[in-house]
């Protein structure tokens, strides 16, 4: 078992946990998410990272058409444009889409952006979410305001 913590951890339900811990098997399968409620104590063999930990997943398109452009909803229109040609949205695609959305909607936070993309994919886009072994670290983000930056990148750690 491996234990990882970071400034923030995105749980399997999409909730951002400050100083959260994820416990995983050696293959990257998540065993447990621990909400420290921001109070991280010293734990044996705990690796701490500067950034946001995200567990691996992918969204697979089900046989249906994406909704058409919605006038008046610029955010959903942008998401449609960014994922329209993808049969599968990987964690990397999700973050790249988030970075592009951040540039168009600078007032949104990373949790808001990821929630909007995920909700769109699952509800409007008719994708199904699949959990895949692996843990990633999102670095180069503004951890104070929780914004993507031009230096934001995703790195696989397990």
Protein backbone atom coordinates (compact mmCIF):
# COMPACT_ATOMS: atom_id res chain seq x y z
CA UNK A 1 0.00 0.00 0.00
CA UNK A 2 1.14 3.50 -0.83
CA UNK A 3 -0.05 6.72 0.78
CA UNK A 4 -0.02 10.06 -1.01
CA UNK A 5 -1.06 13.53 0.09
CA UNK A 6 -1.01 16.93 -1.56
CA UNK A 7 -2.26 20.46 -1.02
CA UNK A 8 -5.54 19.22 -2.50
CA UNK A 9 -6.94 15.84 -3.45
CA UNK A 10 -9.90 15.32 -5.77
CA UNK A 11 -11.98 12.49 -4.28
CA UNK A 12 -13.79 9.92 -6.41
CA UNK A 13 -16.96 11.98 -5.99
CA UNK A 14 -15.19 15.12 -7.27
CA UNK A 15 -14.92 16.87 -3.90
CA UNK A 16 -11.69 18.78 -3.27
CA UNK A 17 -10.08 17.73 0.02
CA UNK A 18 -7.51 20.13 1.49
CA UNK A 19 -4.42 18.13 2.49
CA UNK A 20 -6.31 14.96 1.59
CA UNK A 21 -4.72 11.53 1.59
CA UNK A 22 -5.23 8.74 -0.92
CA UNK A 23 -4.23 5.16 -0.12
CA UNK A 24 -3.61 2.95 -3.15
CA UNK A 25 -2.38 -0.50 -4.06
CA UNK A 26 0.89 -0.80 -5.97
CA UNK A 27 -1.04 -0.93 -9.27
CA UNK A 28 -2.68 2.44 -8.57
CA UNK A 29 -6.09 1.11 -7.54
CA UNK A 30 -7.49 3.43 -4.88
CA UNK A 31 -8.29 1.75 -1.59
CA UNK A 32 -9.29 4.79 0.47
CA UNK A 33 -9.64 8.56 0.45
CA UNK A 34 -8.96 10.26 3.78
CA UNK A 35 -10.34 13.73 4.50
CA UNK A 36 -7.95 15.32 6.99
CA UNK A 37 -10.15 18.44 7.06
CA UNK A 38 -7.01 20.43 6.26
CA UNK A 39 -5.09 19.16 9.30
CA UNK A 40 -2.42 16.84 7.95
CA UNK A 41 -0.46 15.00 10.62
CA UNK A 42 2.75 13.06 10.18
CA UNK A 43 2.02 9.54 8.99
CA UNK A 44 4.59 6.82 8.33
CA UNK A 45 5.49 6.39 4.65
CA UNK A 46 3.24 9.23 3.50
CA UNK A 47 4.50 11.03 0.39
CA UNK A 48 3.43 14.68 0.20
CA UNK A 49 3.28 16.54 -3.13
CA UNK A 50 2.86 20.20 -3.95
CA UNK A 51 -0.18 20.38 -6.21
CA UNK A 52 -3.49 18.59 -6.69
CA UNK A 53 -3.78 14.79 -6.65
CA UNK A 54 -6.30 13.31 -9.07
CA UNK A 55 -7.14 9.64 -9.46
CA UNK A 56 -7.31 8.21 -12.93
CA UNK A 57 -10.59 7.81 -14.79
CA UNK A 58 -11.93 8.05 -18.29
CA UNK A 59 -15.24 8.95 -19.83
CA UNK A 60 -16.42 6.72 -22.67
CA UNK A 61 -19.03 7.93 -25.14
CA UNK A 62 -22.23 5.92 -25.28
CA UNK A 63 -24.00 5.56 -28.63
CA UNK A 64 -25.79 8.90 -28.90
CA UNK A 65 -25.26 12.32 -30.38
CA UNK A 66 -23.81 15.21 -28.45
CA UNK A 67 -26.23 18.05 -27.91
CA UNK A 68 -26.01 20.91 -30.36
CA UNK A 69 -24.71 24.39 -29.59
CA UNK A 70 -26.82 26.11 -26.98
CA UNK A 71 -27.25 29.79 -27.51
CA UNK A 72 -26.66 31.69 -24.31
CA UNK A 73 -24.57 28.98 -22.65
CA UNK A 74 -21.02 29.77 -23.75
CA UNK A 75 -19.43 27.35 -21.28
CA UNK A 76 -21.35 24.28 -22.48
CA UNK A 77 -20.81 25.32 -26.09
CA UNK A 78 -17.06 25.45 -25.45
CA UNK A 79 -17.09 22.02 -23.78
CA UNK A 80 -19.05 20.57 -26.72
CA UNK A 81 -16.49 21.99 -29.14
CA UNK A 82 -13.55 20.62 -27.13
CA UNK A 83 -14.86 17.05 -26.72
CA UNK A 84 -17.03 16.63 -29.84
CA UNK A 85 -14.56 14.41 -31.70
CA UNK A 86 -13.50 12.32 -28.70
CA UNK A 87 -14.95 8.86 -28.16
CA UNK A 88 -13.04 8.69 -24.90
CA UNK A 89 -12.08 11.54 -22.59
CA UNK A 90 -9.00 10.63 -20.54
CA UNK A 91 -7.81 12.39 -17.41
CA UNK A 92 -5.29 14.23 -19.62
CA UNK A 93 -8.08 15.39 -21.97
CA UNK A 94 -10.08 16.49 -18.93
CA UNK A 95 -7.23 18.67 -17.63
CA UNK A 96 -6.40 20.08 -21.09
CA UNK A 97 -10.07 21.00 -21.52
CA UNK A 98 -10.02 22.60 -18.07
CA UNK A 99 -6.99 24.71 -18.95
CA UNK A 100 -8.73 25.96 -22.12
CA UNK A 101 -11.91 26.75 -20.18
CA UNK A 102 -9.88 28.64 -17.56
CA UNK A 103 -8.47 30.90 -20.29
CA UNK A 104 -12.01 31.73 -21.48
CA UNK A 105 -13.57 31.94 -18.00
CA UNK A 106 -10.82 33.30 -15.71
CA UNK A 107 -13.16 33.76 -12.75
CA UNK A 108 -13.90 30.05 -12.45
CA UNK A 109 -11.95 27.83 -10.06
CA UNK A 110 -10.53 24.40 -10.84
CA UNK A 111 -13.22 22.62 -8.77
CA UNK A 112 -15.96 24.54 -10.63
CA UNK A 113 -14.40 23.80 -14.02
CA UNK A 114 -13.91 20.08 -13.37
CA UNK A 115 -17.46 19.81 -12.01
CA UNK A 116 -18.90 21.53 -15.11
CA UNK A 117 -16.95 19.28 -17.48
CA UNK A 118 -17.82 16.10 -15.55
CA UNK A 119 -21.51 17.00 -15.29
CA UNK A 120 -21.63 17.83 -18.99
CA UNK A 121 -19.99 14.54 -19.97
CA UNK A 122 -22.22 12.41 -17.73
CA UNK A 123 -25.53 14.21 -18.20
CA UNK A 124 -25.57 16.11 -21.50
CA UNK A 125 -22.82 14.25 -23.34
CA UNK A 126 -24.04 10.75 -22.46
CA UNK A 127 -20.58 9.51 -21.51
CA UNK A 128 -20.06 6.84 -18.87
CA UNK A 129 -17.35 7.23 -16.25
CA UNK A 130 -14.88 4.40 -15.69
CA UNK A 131 -12.40 4.25 -12.84
CA UNK A 132 -8.92 3.26 -14.02
CA UNK A 133 -5.93 2.47 -11.78
CA UNK A 134 -3.49 5.35 -11.46
CA UNK A 135 -2.80 8.54 -9.56
CA UNK A 136 -1.80 11.83 -11.14
CA UNK A 137 -0.41 15.09 -9.80
CA UNK A 138 -1.55 18.39 -11.26
CA UNK A 139 1.28 20.90 -10.86
CA UNK A 140 1.85 24.48 -11.94
CA UNK A 141 -1.53 25.62 -10.67
CA UNK A 142 -2.39 28.63 -8.53
CA UNK A 143 -3.10 26.87 -5.23
CA UNK A 144 -4.29 30.05 -3.53
CA UNK A 145 -7.09 30.87 -5.97
CA UNK A 146 -7.35 27.31 -7.39
CA UNK A 147 -6.82 28.37 -11.00
CA UNK A 148 -5.06 26.67 -13.88
CA UNK A 149 -2.05 28.57 -15.23
CA UNK A 150 -0.18 28.32 -18.54
CA UNK A 151 2.36 26.14 -16.66
CA UNK A 152 -0.25 23.63 -15.43
CA UNK A 153 0.61 20.05 -16.29
CA UNK A 154 -0.37 16.54 -15.30
CA UNK A 155 2.23 14.03 -14.13
CA UNK A 156 1.58 10.34 -13.41
CA UNK A 157 2.94 9.34 -10.02
CA UNK A 158 1.49 5.81 -9.75
